[in-house]
Amino acid sequence: MTKRREETISTLHAQYVCAFRPEPEGGYTVHCAAFPEIVTYGASLEEARQAAREAIELCLEVYQQEGRELPASDAEPHKTIKELVPVKLARV
């Protein structure tokens, strides 16, 4: 008789704010503040979104496997304000 192994499977539902930067040669580079190791690219905005989703899911798997704490979900991304801030640096 085979012994059945029982385990509980739960699903994480989270959302993370990503920055999509248009590239001069076309396409978009994506960064995610919650996962600084993520830098990905898509030829179109839709491809960039899919690449970001896959990269985040892979990061979550690696974090779990390594026992690392998962970044908190961005609960209210619509309240996040992102804008370009021009700066100057005086060179000596």
PDB file of N, CA and C in Angstrom:
ATOM      1  N   MET A   1       0.844  -1.176   0.000  1.00  0.00           N
ATOM      2  CA  MET A   1       0.000   0.000   0.000  1.00  0.00           C
ATOM      3  C   MET A   1       0.898   1.251   0.000  1.00  0.00           C
ATOM      4  N   THR A   2       0.586   2.194  -0.876  1.00  0.00           N
ATOM      5  CA  THR A   2       1.366   3.435  -0.958  1.00  0.00           C
ATOM      6  C   THR A   2       0.805   4.457   0.025  1.00  0.00           C
ATOM      7  N   LYS A   3       1.724   5.108   0.654  1.00  0.00           N
ATOM      8  CA  LYS A   3       1.325   6.142   1.600  1.00  0.00           C
ATOM      9  C   LYS A   3       1.191   7.466   0.853  1.00  0.00           C
ATOM     10  N   ARG A   4       0.050   8.104   0.996  1.00  0.00           N
ATOM     11  CA  ARG A   4      -0.179   9.387   0.332  1.00  0.00           C
ATOM     12  C   ARG A   4       0.365  10.515   1.181  1.00  0.00           C
ATOM     13  N   ARG A   5       1.027  11.409   0.504  1.00  0.00           N
ATOM     14  CA  ARG A   5       1.555  12.588   1.187  1.00  0.00           C
ATOM     15  C   ARG A   5       0.558  13.724   1.024  1.00  0.00           C
ATOM     16  N   GLU A   6       0.228  14.343   2.130  1.00  0.00           N
ATOM     17  CA  GLU A   6      -0.694  15.466   2.078  1.00  0.00           C
ATOM     18  C   GLU A   6       0.082  16.752   2.328  1.00  0.00           C
ATOM     19  N   GLU A   7      -0.228  17.752   1.504  1.00  0.00           N
ATOM     20  CA  GLU A   7       0.365  19.061   1.716  1.00  0.00           C
ATOM     21  C   GLU A   7      -0.642  20.128   1.332  1.00  0.00           C
ATOM     22  N   THR A   8      -0.531  21.247   1.987  1.00  0.00           N
ATOM     23  CA  THR A   8      -1.423  22.356   1.707  1.00  0.00           C
ATOM     24  C   THR A   8      -0.769  23.259   0.680  1.00  0.00           C
ATOM     25  N   ILE A   9      -1.536  23.623  -0.320  1.00  0.00           N
ATOM     26  CA  ILE A   9      -1.048  24.527  -1.346  1.00  0.00           C
ATOM     27  C   ILE A   9      -1.849  25.819  -1.224  1.00  0.00           C
ATOM     28  N   SER A  10      -1.140  26.917  -1.108  1.00  0.00           N
ATOM     29  CA  SER A  10      -1.828  28.204  -1.057  1.00  0.00           C
ATOM     30  C   SER A  10      -1.291  29.073  -2.187  1.00  0.00           C
ATOM     31  N   THR A  11      -2.070  30.031  -2.582  1.00  0.00           N
ATOM     32  CA  THR A  11      -1.688  30.912  -3.675  1.00  0.00           C
ATOM     33  C   THR A  11      -1.518  32.321  -3.148  1.00  0.00           C
ATOM     34  N   LEU A  12      -0.440  32.953  -3.546  1.00  0.00           N
ATOM     35  CA  LEU A  12      -0.180  34.337  -3.178  1.00  0.00           C
ATOM     36  C   LEU A  12      -0.777  35.235  -4.248  1.00  0.00           C
ATOM     37  N   HIS A  13      -1.604  36.172  -3.843  1.00  0.00           N
ATOM     38  CA  HIS A  13      -2.144  37.174  -4.752  1.00  0.00           C
ATOM     39  C   HIS A  13      -1.531  38.502  -4.330  1.00  0.00           C
ATOM     40  N   ALA A  14      -0.691  39.058  -5.179  1.00  0.00           N
ATOM     41  CA  ALA A  14       0.000  40.300  -4.852  1.00  0.00           C
ATOM     42  C   ALA A  14       0.127  41.140  -6.109  1.00  0.00           C
ATOM     43  N   GLN A  15       0.487  42.378  -5.919  1.00  0.00           N
ATOM     44  CA  GLN A  15       0.734  43.273  -7.049  1.00  0.00           C
ATOM     45  C   GLN A  15       1.903  44.165  -6.699  1.00  0.00           C
ATOM     46  N   TYR A  16       2.708  44.460  -7.699  1.00  0.00           N
ATOM     47  CA  TYR A  16       3.912  45.252  -7.492  1.00  0.00           C
ATOM     48  C   TYR A  16       3.990  46.333  -8.568  1.00  0.00           C
ATOM     49  N   VAL A  17       4.387  47.519  -8.161  1.00  0.00           N
ATOM     50  CA  VAL A  17       4.520  48.635  -9.095  1.00  0.00           C
ATOM     51  C   VAL A  17       5.816  48.464  -9.884  1.00  0.00           C
ATOM     52  N   CYS A  18       5.708  48.563 -11.196  1.00  0.00           N
ATOM     53  CA  CYS A  18       6.873  48.480 -12.076  1.00  0.00           C
ATOM     54  C   CYS A  18       6.973  49.769 -12.888  1.00  0.00           C
ATOM     55  N   ALA A  19       8.189  50.118 -13.244  1.00  0.00           N
ATOM     56  CA  ALA A  19       8.422  51.285 -14.097  1.00  0.00           C
ATOM     57  C   ALA A  19       8.770  50.789 -15.499  1.00  0.00           C
ATOM     58  N   PHE A  20       8.059  51.292 -16.492  1.00  0.00           N
ATOM     59  CA  PHE A  20       8.265  50.910 -17.894  1.00  0.00           C
ATOM     60  C   PHE A  20       8.872  52.117 -18.610  1.00  0.00           C
ATOM     61  N   ARG A  21      10.140  51.983 -18.992  1.00  0.00           N
ATOM     62  CA  ARG A  21      10.832  53.099 -19.658  1.00  0.00           C
ATOM     63  C   ARG A  21      10.940  52.824 -21.155  1.00  0.00           C
ATOM     64  N   PRO A  22      10.356  53.700 -21.993  1.00  0.00           N
ATOM     65  CA  PRO A  22      10.497  53.517 -23.443  1.00  0.00           C
ATOM     66  C   PRO A  22      11.962  53.686 -23.842  1.00  0.00           C
ATOM     67  N   GLU A  23      12.432  52.817 -24.712  1.00  0.00           N
ATOM     68  CA  GLU A  23      13.818  52.874 -25.172  1.00  0.00           C
ATOM     69  C   GLU A  23      13.881  53.561 -26.538  1.00  0.00           C
ATOM     70  N   PRO A  24      14.961  54.319 -26.805  1.00  0.00           N
ATOM     71  CA  PRO A  24      15.076  55.036 -28.081  1.00  0.00           C
ATOM     72  C   PRO A  24      14.993  54.119 -29.296  1.00  0.00           C
ATOM     73  N   GLU A  25      15.508  52.904 -29.186  1.00  0.00           N
ATOM     74  CA  GLU A  25      15.488  51.972 -30.318  1.00  0.00           C
ATOM     75  C   GLU A  25      14.184  51.178 -30.397  1.00  0.00           C
ATOM     76  N   GLY A  26      13.272  51.457 -29.455  1.00  0.00           N
ATOM     77  CA  GLY A  26      11.991  50.759 -29.420  1.00  0.00           C
ATOM     78  C   GLY A  26      11.912  49.823 -28.234  1.00  0.00           C
ATOM     79  N   GLY A  27      10.722  49.495 -27.847  1.00  0.00           N
ATOM     80  CA  GLY A  27      10.511  48.594 -26.730  1.00  0.00           C
ATOM     81  C   GLY A  27      10.581  49.309 -25.390  1.00  0.00           C
ATOM     82  N   TYR A  28      10.484  48.531 -24.331  1.00  0.00           N
ATOM     83  CA  TYR A  28      10.433  49.070 -22.974  1.00  0.00           C
ATOM     84  C   TYR A  28      11.332  48.263 -22.048  1.00  0.00           C
ATOM     85  N   THR A  29      12.085  48.975 -21.213  1.00  0.00           N
ATOM     86  CA  THR A  29      12.854  48.349 -20.147  1.00  0.00           C
ATOM     87  C   THR A  29      12.027  48.482 -18.875  1.00  0.00           C
ATOM     88  N   VAL A  30      11.999  47.402 -18.077  1.00  0.00           N
ATOM     89  CA  VAL A  30      11.162  47.371 -16.886  1.00  0.00           C
ATOM     90  C   VAL A  30      12.015  47.176 -15.636  1.00  0.00           C
ATOM     91  N   HIS A  31      11.707  47.970 -14.605  1.00  0.00           N
ATOM     92  CA  HIS A  31      12.324  47.839 -13.292  1.00  0.00           C
ATOM     93  C   HIS A  31      11.200  47.709 -12.267  1.00  0.00           C
ATOM     94  N   CYS A  32      11.475  47.012 -11.174  1.00  0.00           N
ATOM     95  CA  CYS A  32      10.493  46.844 -10.112  1.00  0.00           C
ATOM     96  C   CYS A  32      11.191  47.135  -8.785  1.00  0.00           C
ATOM     97  N   ALA A  33      10.761  48.188  -8.096  1.00  0.00           N
ATOM     98  CA  ALA A  33      11.423  48.609  -6.854  1.00  0.00           C
ATOM     99  C   ALA A  33      11.403  47.515  -5.787  1.00  0.00           C
ATOM    100  N   ALA A  34      10.351  46.720  -5.734  1.00  0.00           N
ATOM    101  CA  ALA A  34      10.253  45.659  -4.720  1.00  0.00           C
ATOM    102  C   ALA A  34      11.275  44.547  -4.961  1.00  0.00           C
ATOM    103  N   PHE A  35      11.712  44.411  -6.207  1.00  0.00           N
ATOM    104  CA  PHE A  35      12.697  43.391  -6.583  1.00  0.00           C
ATOM    105  C   PHE A  35      13.815  44.084  -7.364  1.00  0.00           C
ATOM    106  N   PRO A  36      14.802  44.668  -6.679  1.00  0.00           N
ATOM    107  CA  PRO A  36      15.842  45.431  -7.368  1.00  0.00           C
ATOM    108  C   PRO A  36      16.644  44.612  -8.374  1.00  0.00           C
ATOM    109  N   GLU A  37      16.638  43.299  -8.236  1.00  0.00           N
ATOM    110  CA  GLU A  37      17.389  42.464  -9.171  1.00  0.00           C
ATOM    111  C   GLU A  37      16.700  42.313 -10.522  1.00  0.00           C
ATOM    112  N   ILE A  38      15.461  42.752 -10.611  1.00  0.00           N
ATOM    113  CA  ILE A  38      14.720  42.621 -11.877  1.00  0.00           C
ATOM    114  C   ILE A  38      15.009  43.794 -12.805  1.00  0.00           C
ATOM    115  N   VAL A  39      15.491  43.469 -13.976  1.00  0.00           N
ATOM    116  CA  VAL A  39      15.560  44.388 -15.112  1.00  0.00           C
ATOM    117  C   VAL A  39      15.184  43.526 -16.304  1.00  0.00           C
ATOM    118  N   THR A  40      14.074  43.852 -16.952  1.00  0.00           N
ATOM    119  CA  THR A  40      13.623  43.043 -18.073  1.00  0.00           C
ATOM    120  C   THR A  40      13.196  43.960 -19.208  1.00  0.00           C
ATOM    121  N   TYR A  41      12.788  43.379 -20.327  1.00  0.00           N
ATOM    122  CA  TYR A  41      12.534  44.154 -21.537  1.00  0.00           C
ATOM    123  C   TYR A  41      11.414  43.491 -22.331  1.00  0.00           C
ATOM    124  N   GLY A  42      10.673  44.315 -23.066  1.00  0.00           N
ATOM    125  CA  GLY A  42       9.682  43.816 -24.001  1.00  0.00           C
ATOM    126  C   GLY A  42       9.651  44.715 -25.223  1.00  0.00           C
ATOM    127  N   ALA A  43       9.483  44.114 -26.386  1.00  0.00           N
ATOM    128  CA  ALA A  43       9.456  44.877 -27.637  1.00  0.00           C
ATOM    129  C   ALA A  43       8.220  45.774 -27.712  1.00  0.00           C
ATOM    130  N   SER A  44       7.144  45.391 -27.038  1.00  0.00           N
ATOM    131  CA  SER A  44       5.930  46.203 -26.954  1.00  0.00           C
ATOM    132  C   SER A  44       5.577  46.341 -25.476  1.00  0.00           C
ATOM    133  N   LEU A  45       4.667  47.234 -25.159  1.00  0.00           N
ATOM    134  CA  LEU A  45       4.258  47.406 -23.769  1.00  0.00           C
ATOM    135  C   LEU A  45       3.648  46.120 -23.230  1.00  0.00           C
ATOM    136  N   GLU A  46       2.857  45.444 -24.046  1.00  0.00           N
ATOM    137  CA  GLU A  46       2.243  44.180 -23.615  1.00  0.00           C
ATOM    138  C   GLU A  46       3.317  43.118 -23.341  1.00  0.00           C
ATOM    139  N   GLU A  47       4.316  43.015 -24.210  1.00  0.00           N
ATOM    140  CA  GLU A  47       5.410  42.061 -23.985  1.00  0.00           C
ATOM    141  C   GLU A  47       6.199  42.429 -22.732  1.00  0.00           C
ATOM    142  N   ALA A  48       6.397  43.725 -22.508  1.00  0.00           N
ATOM    143  CA  ALA A  48       7.116  44.171 -21.315  1.00  0.00           C
ATOM    144  C   ALA A  48       6.334  43.819 -20.057  1.00  0.00           C
ATOM    145  N   ARG A  49       5.022  43.972 -20.097  1.00  0.00           N
ATOM    146  CA  ARG A  49       4.181  43.592 -18.944  1.00  0.00           C
ATOM    147  C   ARG A  49       4.296  42.099 -18.667  1.00  0.00           C
ATOM    148  N   GLN A  50       4.231  41.292 -19.708  1.00  0.00           N
ATOM    149  CA  GLN A  50       4.340  39.840 -19.542  1.00  0.00           C
ATOM    150  C   GLN A  50       5.717  39.460 -18.998  1.00  0.00           C
ATOM    151  N   ALA A  51       6.772  40.090 -19.524  1.00  0.00           N
ATOM    152  CA  ALA A  51       8.130  39.810 -19.050  1.00  0.00           C
ATOM    153  C   ALA A  51       8.267  40.189 -17.580  1.00  0.00           C
ATOM    154  N   ALA A  52       7.659  41.325 -17.186  1.00  0.00           N
ATOM    155  CA  ALA A  52       7.710  41.754 -15.786  1.00  0.00           C
ATOM    156  C   ALA A  52       6.995  40.751 -14.892  1.00  0.00           C
ATOM    157  N   ARG A  53       5.819  40.309 -15.313  1.00  0.00           N
ATOM    158  CA  ARG A  53       5.049  39.328 -14.542  1.00  0.00           C
ATOM    159  C   ARG A  53       5.854  38.042 -14.352  1.00  0.00           C
ATOM    160  N   GLU A  54       6.455  37.543 -15.429  1.00  0.00           N
ATOM    161  CA  GLU A  54       7.254  36.318 -15.344  1.00  0.00           C
ATOM    162  C   GLU A  54       8.464  36.502 -14.435  1.00  0.00           C
ATOM    163  N   ALA A  55       9.134  37.650 -14.554  1.00  0.00           N
ATOM    164  CA  ALA A  55      10.318  37.912 -13.728  1.00  0.00           C
ATOM    165  C   ALA A  55       9.945  37.986 -12.251  1.00  0.00           C
ATOM    166  N   ILE A  56       8.833  38.636 -11.934  1.00  0.00           N
ATOM    167  CA  ILE A  56       8.390  38.731 -10.539  1.00  0.00           C
ATOM    168  C   ILE A  56       8.026  37.354 -10.006  1.00  0.00           C
ATOM    169  N   GLU A  57       7.306  36.563 -10.796  1.00  0.00           N
ATOM    170  CA  GLU A  57       6.931  35.218 -10.348  1.00  0.00           C
ATOM    171  C   GLU A  57       8.166  34.359 -10.096  1.00  0.00           C
ATOM    172  N   LEU A  58       9.174  34.478 -10.967  1.00  0.00           N
ATOM    173  CA  LEU A  58      10.419  33.733 -10.755  1.00  0.00           C
ATOM    174  C   LEU A  58      11.131  34.201  -9.495  1.00  0.00           C
ATOM    175  N   CYS A  59      11.167  35.500  -9.278  1.00  0.00           N
ATOM    176  CA  CYS A  59      11.787  36.032  -8.059  1.00  0.00           C
ATOM    177  C   CYS A  59      11.067  35.511  -6.820  1.00  0.00           C
ATOM    178  N   LEU A  60       9.740  35.517  -6.853  1.00  0.00           N
ATOM    179  CA  LEU A  60       8.977  35.014  -5.713  1.00  0.00           C
ATOM    180  C   LEU A  60       9.318  33.556  -5.422  1.00  0.00           C
ATOM    181  N   GLU A  61       9.434  32.741  -6.474  1.00  0.00           N
ATOM    182  CA  GLU A  61       9.807  31.329  -6.290  1.00  0.00           C
ATOM    183  C   GLU A  61      11.182  31.201  -5.658  1.00  0.00           C
ATOM    184  N   VAL A  62      12.152  31.975  -6.150  1.00  0.00           N
ATOM    185  CA  VAL A  62      13.513  31.921  -5.615  1.00  0.00           C
ATOM    186  C   VAL A  62      13.529  32.386  -4.158  1.00  0.00           C
ATOM    187  N   TYR A  63      12.826  33.477  -3.870  1.00  0.00           N
ATOM    188  CA  TYR A  63      12.763  33.966  -2.490  1.00  0.00           C
ATOM    189  C   TYR A  63      12.204  32.875  -1.570  1.00  0.00           C
ATOM    190  N   GLN A  64      11.144  32.198  -2.006  1.00  0.00           N
ATOM    191  CA  GLN A  64      10.552  31.124  -1.203  1.00  0.00           C
ATOM    192  C   GLN A  64      11.546  29.998  -0.986  1.00  0.00           C
ATOM    193  N   GLN A  65      12.201  29.552  -2.062  1.00  0.00           N
ATOM    194  CA  GLN A  65      13.155  28.456  -1.970  1.00  0.00           C
ATOM    195  C   GLN A  65      14.310  28.790  -1.039  1.00  0.00           C
ATOM    196  N   GLU A  66      14.729  30.051  -1.043  1.00  0.00           N
ATOM    197  CA  GLU A  66      15.851  30.475  -0.211  1.00  0.00           C
ATOM    198  C   GLU A  66      15.419  30.883   1.193  1.00  0.00           C
ATOM    199  N   GLY A  67      14.106  30.847   1.456  1.00  0.00           N
ATOM    200  CA  GLY A  67      13.606  31.208   2.777  1.00  0.00           C
ATOM    201  C   GLY A  67      13.659  32.707   3.048  1.00  0.00           C
ATOM    202  N   ARG A  68      13.737  33.496   1.990  1.00  0.00           N
ATOM    203  CA  ARG A  68      13.785  34.946   2.143  1.00  0.00           C
ATOM    204  C   ARG A  68      12.377  35.500   2.330  1.00  0.00           C
ATOM    205  N   GLU A  69      12.283  36.620   3.011  1.00  0.00           N
ATOM    206  CA  GLU A  69      11.002  37.275   3.205  1.00  0.00           C
ATOM    207  C   GLU A  69      10.517  37.855   1.879  1.00  0.00           C
ATOM    208  N   LEU A  70       9.243  37.645   1.590  1.00  0.00           N
ATOM    209  CA  LEU A  70       8.673  38.168   0.348  1.00  0.00           C
ATOM    210  C   LEU A  70       8.343  39.645   0.520  1.00  0.00           C
ATOM    211  N   PRO A  71       8.642  40.459  -0.481  1.00  0.00           N
ATOM    212  CA  PRO A  71       8.287  41.879  -0.386  1.00  0.00           C
ATOM    213  C   PRO A  71       6.778  42.041  -0.252  1.00  0.00           C
ATOM    214  N   ALA A  72       6.372  43.019   0.532  1.00  0.00           N
ATOM    215  CA  ALA A  72       4.945  43.275   0.712  1.00  0.00           C
ATOM    216  C   ALA A  72       4.334  43.709  -0.618  1.00  0.00           C
ATOM    217  N   SER A  73       3.117  43.293  -0.831  1.00  0.00           N
ATOM    218  CA  SER A  73       2.373  43.688  -2.024  1.00  0.00           C
ATOM    219  C   SER A  73       2.097  45.184  -1.968  1.00  0.00           C
ATOM    220  N   ASP A  74       2.121  45.832  -3.114  1.00  0.00           N
ATOM    221  CA  ASP A  74       1.756  47.245  -3.194  1.00  0.00           C
ATOM    222  C   ASP A  74       0.237  47.317  -3.157  1.00  0.00           C
ATOM    223  N   ALA A  75      -0.308  47.536  -1.981  1.00  0.00           N
ATOM    224  CA  ALA A  75      -1.760  47.463  -1.786  1.00  0.00           C
ATOM    225  C   ALA A  75      -2.514  48.554  -2.524  1.00  0.00           C
ATOM    226  N   GLU A  76      -1.958  49.726  -2.593  1.00  0.00           N
ATOM    227  CA  GLU A  76      -2.644  50.849  -3.227  1.00  0.00           C
ATOM    228  C   GLU A  76      -1.763  51.476  -4.310  1.00  0.00           C
ATOM    229  N   PRO A  77      -1.499  50.753  -5.411  1.00  0.00           N
ATOM    230  CA  PRO A  77      -0.598  51.312  -6.427  1.00  0.00           C
ATOM    231  C   PRO A  77      -1.119  52.584  -7.071  1.00  0.00           C
ATOM    232  N   HIS A  78      -2.427  52.800  -7.044  1.00  0.00           N
ATOM    233  CA  HIS A  78      -2.976  54.008  -7.668  1.00  0.00           C
ATOM    234  C   HIS A  78      -2.655  55.252  -6.850  1.00  0.00           C
ATOM    235  N   LYS A  79      -2.263  55.055  -5.591  1.00  0.00           N
ATOM    236  CA  LYS A  79      -1.873  56.184  -4.753  1.00  0.00           C
ATOM    237  C   LYS A  79      -0.383  56.478  -4.874  1.00  0.00           C
ATOM    238  N   THR A  80       0.339  55.641  -5.621  1.00  0.00           N
ATOM    239  CA  THR A  80       1.765  55.851  -5.820  1.00  0.00           C
ATOM    240  C   THR A  80       1.961  56.947  -6.861  1.00  0.00           C
ATOM    241  N   ILE A  81       2.773  57.924  -6.529  1.00  0.00           N
ATOM    242  CA  ILE A  81       3.055  59.010  -7.463  1.00  0.00           C
ATOM    243  C   ILE A  81       4.468  58.819  -7.983  1.00  0.00           C
ATOM    244  N   LYS A  82       4.598  58.744  -9.296  1.00  0.00           N
ATOM    245  CA  LYS A  82       5.904  58.626  -9.929  1.00  0.00           C
ATOM    246  C   LYS A  82       6.050  59.787 -10.878  1.00  0.00           C
ATOM    247  N   GLU A  83       7.163  60.478 -10.780  1.00  0.00           N
ATOM    248  CA  GLU A  83       7.430  61.545 -11.734  1.00  0.00           C
ATOM    249  C   GLU A  83       8.931  61.712 -11.879  1.00  0.00           C
ATOM    250  N   LEU A  84       9.316  62.311 -12.993  1.00  0.00           N
ATOM    251  CA  LEU A  84      10.723  62.584 -13.235  1.00  0.00           C
ATOM    252  C   LEU A  84      11.137  63.803 -12.424  1.00  0.00           C
ATOM    253  N   VAL A  85      12.293  63.704 -11.792  1.00  0.00           N
ATOM    254  CA  VAL A  85      12.819  64.810 -11.005  1.00  0.00           C
ATOM    255  C   VAL A  85      14.143  65.217 -11.623  1.00  0.00           C
ATOM    256  N   PRO A  86      14.185  66.368 -12.310  1.00  0.00           N
ATOM    257  CA  PRO A  86      15.450  66.807 -12.913  1.00  0.00           C
ATOM    258  C   PRO A  86      16.422  67.266 -11.826  1.00  0.00           C
ATOM    259  N   VAL A  87      17.674  66.932 -11.988  1.00  0.00           N
ATOM    260  CA  VAL A  87      18.703  67.316 -11.019  1.00  0.00           C
ATOM    261  C   VAL A  87      19.906  67.876 -11.741  1.00  0.00           C
ATOM    262  N   LYS A  88      20.730  68.606 -11.014  1.00  0.00           N
ATOM    263  CA  LYS A  88      21.985  69.143 -11.541  1.00  0.00           C
ATOM    264  C   LYS A  88      23.100  68.683 -10.623  1.00  0.00           C
ATOM    265  N   LEU A  89      24.245  68.467 -11.190  1.00  0.00           N
ATOM    266  CA  LEU A  89      25.421  68.095 -10.405  1.00  0.00           C
ATOM    267  C   LEU A  89      26.553  68.999 -10.846  1.00  0.00           C
ATOM    268  N   ALA A  90      27.046  69.777  -9.904  1.00  0.00           N
ATOM    269  CA  ALA A  90      28.174  70.660 -10.228  1.00  0.00           C
ATOM    270  C   ALA A  90      29.456  69.824 -10.250  1.00  0.00           C
ATOM    271  N   ARG A  91      30.202  69.961 -11.297  1.00  0.00           N
ATOM    272  CA  ARG A  91      31.464  69.221 -11.414  1.00  0.00           C
ATOM    273  C   ARG A  91      32.609  70.152 -11.108  1.00  0.00           C
ATOM    274  N   VAL A  92      33.550  69.675 -10.343  1.00  0.00           N
ATOM    275  CA  VAL A  92      34.700  70.483  -9.951  1.00  0.00           C
ATOM    276  C   VAL A  92      35.911  70.022 -10.722  1.00  0.00           C
TER     277      VAL A  92
END
